Amino acid sequence: MYCWFNPDSGDAVYRADSADTDLFFSSVGDAERFLKQQAVQDAEKDYTKMCLYEVNVQRVEYAITVLMDQSGIDDFQ
């Protein structure tokens, strides 16, 4: 998985359509094609500082843990 990110500004390039927003690309080629298309469509925006990052997916925690802690559900168990 790959994503375009500017470490200086914190900006990211993402695909958006009416139903979905996607930050990730499945291949380097897909990411490169999309960036080139964006640069042509939005010529006023500076994409030259973007960097392509490979995202390593590693589980950090489960959502259920966060949700239970947040809502105080642990108090009732």
C-alpha atoms as a PDB file:
ATOM      1  CA  MET A   1       0.000   0.000   0.000  1.00  0.00           C
ATOM      2  CA  TYR A   2       1.310   3.458  -0.907  1.00  0.00           C
ATOM      3  CA  CYS A   3       0.360   7.071  -0.271  1.00  0.00           C
ATOM      4  CA  TRP A   4       1.517  10.534  -1.333  1.00  0.00           C
ATOM      5  CA  PHE A   5       2.461  12.731   1.628  1.00  0.00           C
ATOM      6  CA  ASN A   6       4.302  16.022   2.136  1.00  0.00           C
ATOM      7  CA  PRO A   7       6.216  15.708   5.426  1.00  0.00           C
ATOM      8  CA  ASP A   8       6.814  19.466   5.623  1.00  0.00           C
ATOM      9  CA  SER A   9       3.182  20.560   5.341  1.00  0.00           C
ATOM     10  CA  GLY A  10       1.349  17.390   6.400  1.00  0.00           C
ATOM     11  CA  ASP A  11      -0.657  17.428   3.161  1.00  0.00           C
ATOM     12  CA  ALA A  12      -1.691  14.202   1.488  1.00  0.00           C
ATOM     13  CA  VAL A  13      -2.997  13.459  -1.995  1.00  0.00           C
ATOM     14  CA  TYR A  14      -6.174  11.404  -2.031  1.00  0.00           C
ATOM     15  CA  ARG A  15      -8.782  10.209  -4.495  1.00  0.00           C
ATOM     16  CA  ALA A  16     -12.323  11.321  -3.866  1.00  0.00           C
ATOM     17  CA  ASP A  17     -15.545  10.573  -5.638  1.00  0.00           C
ATOM     18  CA  SER A  18     -19.138  11.022  -4.586  1.00  0.00           C
ATOM     19  CA  ALA A  19     -19.148   7.895  -2.443  1.00  0.00           C
ATOM     20  CA  ASP A  20     -15.605   7.365  -1.241  1.00  0.00           C
ATOM     21  CA  THR A  21     -12.302   8.973  -0.306  1.00  0.00           C
ATOM     22  CA  ASP A  22      -9.143   6.930  -0.603  1.00  0.00           C
ATOM     23  CA  LEU A  23      -5.664   7.895   0.538  1.00  0.00           C
ATOM     24  CA  PHE A  24      -3.993   4.632  -0.469  1.00  0.00           C
ATOM     25  CA  PHE A  25      -2.825   3.169  -3.770  1.00  0.00           C
ATOM     26  CA  SER A  26      -2.223  -0.517  -4.429  1.00  0.00           C
ATOM     27  CA  SER A  27       0.905  -0.022  -6.539  1.00  0.00           C
ATOM     28  CA  VAL A  28       3.614   2.515  -7.293  1.00  0.00           C
ATOM     29  CA  GLY A  29       2.367   2.747 -10.876  1.00  0.00           C
ATOM     30  CA  ASP A  30      -1.190   3.590  -9.760  1.00  0.00           C
ATOM     31  CA  ALA A  31       0.130   6.239  -7.400  1.00  0.00           C
ATOM     32  CA  GLU A  32       2.342   7.793 -10.069  1.00  0.00           C
ATOM     33  CA  ARG A  33      -0.459   7.877 -12.652  1.00  0.00           C
ATOM     34  CA  PHE A  34      -2.823   9.511 -10.212  1.00  0.00           C
ATOM     35  CA  LEU A  35      -0.289  12.174  -9.179  1.00  0.00           C
ATOM     36  CA  LYS A  36       0.392  13.040 -12.814  1.00  0.00           C
ATOM     37  CA  GLN A  37      -3.354  13.353 -13.493  1.00  0.00           C
ATOM     38  CA  GLN A  38      -3.814  15.577 -10.459  1.00  0.00           C
ATOM     39  CA  ALA A  39      -0.921  17.819 -11.496  1.00  0.00           C
ATOM     40  CA  VAL A  40      -2.492  18.312 -14.934  1.00  0.00           C
ATOM     41  CA  GLN A  41      -6.009  18.905 -13.572  1.00  0.00           C
ATOM     42  CA  ASP A  42      -4.917  21.279 -10.808  1.00  0.00           C
ATOM     43  CA  ALA A  43      -1.937  23.110 -12.289  1.00  0.00           C
ATOM     44  CA  GLU A  44      -2.035  25.810  -9.593  1.00  0.00           C
ATOM     45  CA  LYS A  45      -1.190  23.327  -6.852  1.00  0.00           C
ATOM     46  CA  ASP A  46       2.470  22.435  -6.203  1.00  0.00           C
ATOM     47  CA  TYR A  47       2.882  18.659  -6.063  1.00  0.00           C
ATOM     48  CA  THR A  48       6.687  18.724  -6.300  1.00  0.00           C
ATOM     49  CA  LYS A  49       7.223  18.319  -2.547  1.00  0.00           C
ATOM     50  CA  MET A  50       5.068  15.216  -2.280  1.00  0.00           C
ATOM     51  CA  CYS A  51       6.826  11.973  -1.402  1.00  0.00           C
ATOM     52  CA  LEU A  52       5.515   8.478  -2.046  1.00  0.00           C
ATOM     53  CA  TYR A  53       5.472   6.379   1.115  1.00  0.00           C
ATOM     54  CA  GLU A  54       5.005   2.674   1.469  1.00  0.00           C
ATOM     55  CA  VAL A  55       2.540   1.999   4.254  1.00  0.00           C
ATOM     56  CA  ASN A  56       3.182  -1.025   6.411  1.00  0.00           C
ATOM     57  CA  VAL A  57      -0.056  -2.118   7.977  1.00  0.00           C
ATOM     58  CA  GLN A  58       0.392  -3.114  11.576  1.00  0.00           C
ATOM     59  CA  ARG A  59      -2.468  -3.405  14.047  1.00  0.00           C
ATOM     60  CA  VAL A  60      -1.963  -1.069  16.980  1.00  0.00           C
ATOM     61  CA  GLU A  61      -5.182  -1.681  18.890  1.00  0.00           C
ATOM     62  CA  TYR A  62      -8.747  -2.823  18.482  1.00  0.00           C
ATOM     63  CA  ALA A  63     -11.583  -0.332  18.017  1.00  0.00           C
ATOM     64  CA  ILE A  64     -13.668  -2.147  20.625  1.00  0.00           C
ATOM     65  CA  THR A  65     -11.052  -1.329  23.263  1.00  0.00           C
ATOM     66  CA  VAL A  66     -11.125   2.362  22.400  1.00  0.00           C
ATOM     67  CA  LEU A  67     -14.909   2.494  22.283  1.00  0.00           C
ATOM     68  CA  MET A  68     -15.353   0.680  25.575  1.00  0.00           C
ATOM     69  CA  ASP A  69     -12.804   2.882  27.338  1.00  0.00           C
ATOM     70  CA  GLN A  70     -14.329   6.035  25.892  1.00  0.00           C
ATOM     71  CA  SER A  71     -17.892   5.319  26.881  1.00  0.00           C
ATOM     72  CA  GLY A  72     -17.148   3.962  30.335  1.00  0.00           C
ATOM     73  CA  ILE A  73     -18.580   0.546  29.492  1.00  0.00           C
ATOM     74  CA  ASP A  74     -15.776  -1.074  31.474  1.00  0.00           C
ATOM     75  CA  ASP A  75     -17.458   0.258  34.642  1.00  0.00           C
ATOM     76  CA  PHE A  76     -20.433  -2.039  34.091  1.00  0.00           C
ATOM     77  CA  GLN A  77     -18.530  -5.280  33.624  1.00  0.00           C
END
